[in-house]
Amino acid sequence: MLFGFSHGRNVFDAVPSTLRGYTLCIPGTVARELESLSKNRGKLGAAARVALQELRYKNIKGSNKSPGIADLDIIRVARANAGSAVITNDTALAKRLLRSGAEVFKLSMSGRLMRVLR
């Protein structure tokens, strides 16, 4: 999410055309991580604030109250929901998600979602 917003791209705009029929879900730990990052000054903090505004605007709430680590919760939610798709520009996380059987997409610089194959 931060990659897109820090480059003027809205990941939520790309979802309907690429991932029809999916319900957007953000683990609570990701929302809390964004809250924490939003307090920073500079590009990263600004991107986190825009991401949080967009989550509120789209009425997307964190899916759990887990005190865990964001990446681990993303993997856990993906494993618990067969046929799920995850959007991440984190290469290490994408590899772990692929190994767990999730469908993975990255947001390109042009704002399009690209399927990660390996």
Protein backbone atom coordinates (compact mmCIF):
# COMPACT_ATOMS: atom_id res chain seq x y z
CA MET A 1 0.00 0.00 0.00
CA LEU A 2 2.74 2.44 0.95
CA PHE A 3 4.60 1.86 -2.32
CA GLY A 4 1.57 2.94 -4.32
CA PHE A 5 0.67 5.96 -2.24
CA SER A 6 4.28 7.14 -2.05
CA HIS A 7 4.36 7.06 -5.88
CA GLY A 8 0.99 8.73 -6.41
CA ARG A 9 -0.83 5.46 -7.15
CA ASN A 10 -3.93 4.21 -5.36
CA VAL A 11 -3.91 0.43 -5.02
CA PHE A 12 -7.65 0.45 -4.36
CA ASP A 13 -8.30 1.91 -7.82
CA ALA A 14 -6.54 -1.06 -9.42
CA VAL A 15 -8.41 -3.77 -7.48
CA PRO A 16 -11.86 -3.76 -9.17
CA SER A 17 -10.53 -4.24 -12.68
CA THR A 18 -8.02 -6.96 -11.77
CA LEU A 19 -9.56 -8.75 -8.80
CA ARG A 20 -13.30 -8.80 -9.45
CA GLY A 21 -15.31 -10.57 -6.80
CA TYR A 22 -12.73 -10.22 -4.04
CA THR A 23 -13.48 -8.58 -0.71
CA LEU A 24 -10.79 -6.23 0.52
CA CYS A 25 -9.37 -7.18 3.89
CA ILE A 26 -6.58 -5.60 5.89
CA PRO A 27 -5.21 -7.41 8.97
CA GLY A 28 -5.50 -5.23 12.06
CA THR A 29 -1.74 -5.33 12.51
CA VAL A 30 -1.31 -3.68 9.10
CA ALA A 31 -3.74 -0.91 10.06
CA ARG A 32 -1.86 -0.39 13.34
CA GLU A 33 1.46 -0.33 11.47
CA LEU A 34 0.05 2.38 9.18
CA GLU A 35 -1.12 4.36 12.23
CA SER A 36 2.37 4.20 13.68
CA LEU A 37 4.05 5.16 10.38
CA SER A 38 1.61 8.02 9.85
CA LYS A 39 3.24 9.88 12.75
CA ASN A 40 6.51 10.13 10.78
CA ARG A 41 7.39 13.21 8.83
CA GLY A 42 8.37 12.93 5.21
CA LYS A 43 7.25 10.78 2.31
CA LEU A 44 6.65 7.57 4.27
CA GLY A 45 4.50 9.25 6.91
CA ALA A 46 2.54 11.12 4.22
CA ALA A 47 1.94 7.87 2.31
CA ALA A 48 0.73 6.16 5.50
CA ARG A 49 -1.66 9.03 6.22
CA VAL A 50 -3.09 8.86 2.69
CA ALA A 51 -3.44 5.07 2.99
CA LEU A 52 -5.33 5.46 6.27
CA GLN A 53 -7.62 8.11 4.75
CA GLU A 54 -8.36 5.78 1.84
CA LEU A 55 -9.08 2.86 4.20
CA ARG A 56 -11.54 5.06 6.10
CA TYR A 57 -13.11 6.38 2.89
CA LYS A 58 -13.58 2.84 1.54
CA ASN A 59 -14.77 1.70 5.01
CA ILE A 60 -12.12 -1.03 5.16
CA LYS A 61 -11.40 -2.01 8.74
CA GLY A 62 -8.72 -4.23 10.22
CA SER A 63 -9.82 -7.87 10.22
CA ASN A 64 -8.51 -8.88 13.63
CA LYS A 65 -7.28 -7.66 16.98
CA SER A 66 -4.10 -9.73 16.87
CA PRO A 67 -1.09 -8.19 18.59
CA GLY A 68 1.10 -10.00 16.04
CA ILE A 69 3.47 -8.95 13.32
CA ALA A 70 1.93 -7.56 10.12
CA ASP A 71 3.69 -9.93 7.67
CA LEU A 72 2.84 -13.00 9.73
CA ASP A 73 -0.79 -11.92 10.01
CA ILE A 74 -1.00 -11.38 6.26
CA ILE A 75 0.27 -14.93 5.70
CA ARG A 76 -2.08 -16.31 8.37
CA VAL A 77 -5.14 -14.60 6.86
CA ALA A 78 -4.16 -15.77 3.35
CA ARG A 79 -3.76 -19.38 4.54
CA ALA A 80 -7.08 -19.28 6.40
CA ASN A 81 -8.93 -18.06 3.31
CA ALA A 82 -8.40 -20.50 0.44
CA GLY A 83 -8.29 -18.79 -2.93
CA SER A 84 -7.25 -15.47 -1.45
CA ALA A 85 -5.11 -12.93 -3.27
CA VAL A 86 -2.62 -10.60 -1.59
CA ILE A 87 -1.26 -7.34 -2.95
CA THR A 88 2.25 -6.55 -1.73
CA ASN A 89 5.38 -4.95 -3.09
CA ASP A 90 7.45 -6.66 -0.39
CA THR A 91 9.46 -9.26 -2.33
CA ALA A 92 10.31 -11.42 0.69
CA LEU A 93 6.67 -11.47 1.81
CA ALA A 94 5.53 -12.28 -1.74
CA LYS A 95 7.83 -15.33 -1.84
CA ARG A 96 6.50 -16.58 1.48
CA LEU A 97 2.91 -16.06 0.33
CA LEU A 98 3.53 -17.94 -2.91
CA ARG A 99 4.99 -20.86 -0.95
CA SER A 100 1.84 -20.87 1.21
CA GLY A 101 -0.37 -21.12 -1.89
CA ALA A 102 -1.74 -17.57 -2.04
CA GLU A 103 -2.14 -15.67 -5.27
CA VAL A 104 0.13 -12.61 -5.12
CA PHE A 105 0.05 -9.30 -6.98
CA LYS A 106 2.36 -6.28 -6.99
CA LEU A 107 1.42 -2.73 -7.86
CA SER A 108 3.45 -1.43 -10.81
CA MET A 109 4.75 2.12 -11.14
CA SER A 110 1.96 2.67 -13.68
CA GLY A 111 -0.66 1.75 -11.06
CA ARG A 112 -1.59 -1.65 -12.50
CA LEU A 113 -1.66 -4.89 -10.54
CA MET A 114 0.77 -7.48 -11.85
CA ARG A 115 0.56 -11.15 -10.87
CA VAL A 116 3.69 -12.50 -9.17
CA LEU A 117 4.56 -15.90 -10.59
CA ARG A 118 7.58 -16.86 -8.51
